[in-house]
Amino acid sequence: MEGFGTALFAAVIVGLLNVTLGMVLHFLFFPLTILTLGLAYLLVNALMLWLAGKLVPGFRVAGLWPACLGAAVLYMLHFIIEWC
């Protein structure tokens, strides 16, 4: 499974992970998020992307830094969509 189908399946998995496990991790990391001025929030989202890369065949996240970059891009897209 390659291409658009993999991307769509990965998006669904990332969404489900963020709704379930992501909410729990955001709650647990909230004090650290306050101390780091939001950096821990980005790391939790990067962890969700990395985990989706492990769960979805054909979707690969090469490591921590690419996951952080992907989380930052997703955050920026979310910000732009909310702003418009």
C-alpha atoms as a PDB file:
ATOM      1  CA  MET A   1       0.000   0.000   0.000  1.00  0.00           C
ATOM      2  CA  GLU A   2       1.685   3.170  -1.183  1.00  0.00           C
ATOM      3  CA  GLY A   3       0.706   6.683  -2.117  1.00  0.00           C
ATOM      4  CA  PHE A   4      -2.541   8.413  -1.290  1.00  0.00           C
ATOM      5  CA  GLY A   5      -4.085   5.420   0.485  1.00  0.00           C
ATOM      6  CA  THR A   6      -1.146   5.185   2.873  1.00  0.00           C
ATOM      7  CA  ALA A   7      -1.223   8.919   3.543  1.00  0.00           C
ATOM      8  CA  LEU A   8      -4.956   8.827   4.236  1.00  0.00           C
ATOM      9  CA  PHE A   9      -4.628   5.811   6.531  1.00  0.00           C
ATOM     10  CA  ALA A  10      -1.700   7.469   8.355  1.00  0.00           C
ATOM     11  CA  ALA A  11      -3.765  10.643   8.823  1.00  0.00           C
ATOM     12  CA  VAL A  12      -6.604   8.631  10.348  1.00  0.00           C
ATOM     13  CA  ILE A  13      -4.198   6.808  12.679  1.00  0.00           C
ATOM     14  CA  VAL A  14      -2.505  10.067  13.750  1.00  0.00           C
ATOM     15  CA  GLY A  15      -5.933  11.557  14.440  1.00  0.00           C
ATOM     16  CA  LEU A  16      -7.024   8.567  16.503  1.00  0.00           C
ATOM     17  CA  LEU A  17      -3.754   8.558  18.430  1.00  0.00           C
ATOM     18  CA  ASN A  18      -4.092  12.269  19.178  1.00  0.00           C
ATOM     19  CA  VAL A  19      -7.670  11.843  20.384  1.00  0.00           C
ATOM     20  CA  THR A  20      -6.905   8.873  22.651  1.00  0.00           C
ATOM     21  CA  LEU A  21      -3.313   8.539  23.777  1.00  0.00           C
ATOM     22  CA  GLY A  22      -2.428  12.133  22.898  1.00  0.00           C
ATOM     23  CA  MET A  23      -5.018  13.561  25.275  1.00  0.00           C
ATOM     24  CA  VAL A  24      -3.689  11.456  28.136  1.00  0.00           C
ATOM     25  CA  LEU A  25      -0.096  12.467  27.396  1.00  0.00           C
ATOM     26  CA  HIS A  26      -1.027  16.151  27.055  1.00  0.00           C
ATOM     27  CA  PHE A  27      -2.703  15.970  30.457  1.00  0.00           C
ATOM     28  CA  LEU A  28       0.296  14.230  32.042  1.00  0.00           C
ATOM     29  CA  PHE A  29       2.821  16.559  30.419  1.00  0.00           C
ATOM     30  CA  PHE A  30       0.877  19.746  31.194  1.00  0.00           C
ATOM     31  CA  PRO A  31       3.214  20.898  34.009  1.00  0.00           C
ATOM     32  CA  LEU A  32       6.229  20.291  31.769  1.00  0.00           C
ATOM     33  CA  THR A  33       4.469  22.134  28.948  1.00  0.00           C
ATOM     34  CA  ILE A  34       4.076  25.171  31.191  1.00  0.00           C
ATOM     35  CA  LEU A  35       7.731  25.036  32.241  1.00  0.00           C
ATOM     36  CA  THR A  36       9.001  24.692  28.663  1.00  0.00           C
ATOM     37  CA  LEU A  37       6.568  27.274  27.245  1.00  0.00           C
ATOM     38  CA  GLY A  38       4.881  24.742  24.961  1.00  0.00           C
ATOM     39  CA  LEU A  39       7.861  22.702  23.804  1.00  0.00           C
ATOM     40  CA  ALA A  40       6.579  19.561  25.545  1.00  0.00           C
ATOM     41  CA  TYR A  41       3.321  19.899  23.555  1.00  0.00           C
ATOM     42  CA  LEU A  42       5.347  19.725  20.354  1.00  0.00           C
ATOM     43  CA  LEU A  43       7.239  16.681  21.617  1.00  0.00           C
ATOM     44  CA  VAL A  44       4.014  14.830  22.463  1.00  0.00           C
ATOM     45  CA  ASN A  45       2.751  15.498  18.935  1.00  0.00           C
ATOM     46  CA  ALA A  46       6.085  14.301  17.525  1.00  0.00           C
ATOM     47  CA  LEU A  47       5.697  11.130  19.587  1.00  0.00           C
ATOM     48  CA  MET A  48       2.239  10.593  18.084  1.00  0.00           C
ATOM     49  CA  LEU A  49       3.696  10.937  14.557  1.00  0.00           C
ATOM     50  CA  TRP A  50       6.533   8.530  15.397  1.00  0.00           C
ATOM     51  CA  LEU A  51       4.072   6.003  16.826  1.00  0.00           C
ATOM     52  CA  ALA A  52       1.896   6.280  13.707  1.00  0.00           C
ATOM     53  CA  GLY A  53       5.021   5.593  11.662  1.00  0.00           C
ATOM     54  CA  LYS A  54       5.483   2.365  13.602  1.00  0.00           C
ATOM     55  CA  LEU A  55       1.833   1.311  13.235  1.00  0.00           C
ATOM     56  CA  VAL A  56       1.087   2.159   9.585  1.00  0.00           C
ATOM     57  CA  PRO A  57       2.830   0.060   6.940  1.00  0.00           C
ATOM     58  CA  GLY A  58       4.304   2.276   4.236  1.00  0.00           C
ATOM     59  CA  PHE A  59       4.388   5.385   6.456  1.00  0.00           C
ATOM     60  CA  ARG A  60       7.832   5.964   7.927  1.00  0.00           C
ATOM     61  CA  VAL A  61       9.183   8.598  10.283  1.00  0.00           C
ATOM     62  CA  ALA A  62      12.994   8.573  10.167  1.00  0.00           C
ATOM     63  CA  GLY A  63      13.617   9.695  13.754  1.00  0.00           C
ATOM     64  CA  LEU A  64      13.005  12.265  16.450  1.00  0.00           C
ATOM     65  CA  TRP A  65      14.003  15.371  14.489  1.00  0.00           C
ATOM     66  CA  PRO A  66      11.876  14.558  11.430  1.00  0.00           C
ATOM     67  CA  ALA A  67       8.964  13.806  13.784  1.00  0.00           C
ATOM     68  CA  CYS A  68       9.466  17.181  15.501  1.00  0.00           C
ATOM     69  CA  LEU A  69       9.606  18.924  12.124  1.00  0.00           C
ATOM     70  CA  GLY A  70       6.434  17.134  11.029  1.00  0.00           C
ATOM     71  CA  ALA A  71       4.693  18.091  14.275  1.00  0.00           C
ATOM     72  CA  ALA A  72       5.749  21.723  13.779  1.00  0.00           C
ATOM     73  CA  VAL A  73       4.409  21.718  10.209  1.00  0.00           C
ATOM     74  CA  LEU A  74       1.119  20.206  11.372  1.00  0.00           C
ATOM     75  CA  TYR A  75       0.885  22.847  14.104  1.00  0.00           C
ATOM     76  CA  MET A  76       1.467  25.640  11.582  1.00  0.00           C
ATOM     77  CA  LEU A  77      -1.166  24.224   9.222  1.00  0.00           C
ATOM     78  CA  HIS A  78      -3.631  23.943  12.096  1.00  0.00           C
ATOM     79  CA  PHE A  79      -2.884  27.551  13.084  1.00  0.00           C
ATOM     80  CA  ILE A  80      -3.402  28.799   9.526  1.00  0.00           C
ATOM     81  CA  ILE A  81      -6.680  26.871   9.138  1.00  0.00           C
ATOM     82  CA  GLU A  82      -7.980  28.201  12.473  1.00  0.00           C
ATOM     83  CA  TRP A  83      -6.934  31.763  11.570  1.00  0.00           C
ATOM     84  CA  CYS A  84      -8.749  31.803   8.203  1.00  0.00           C
END
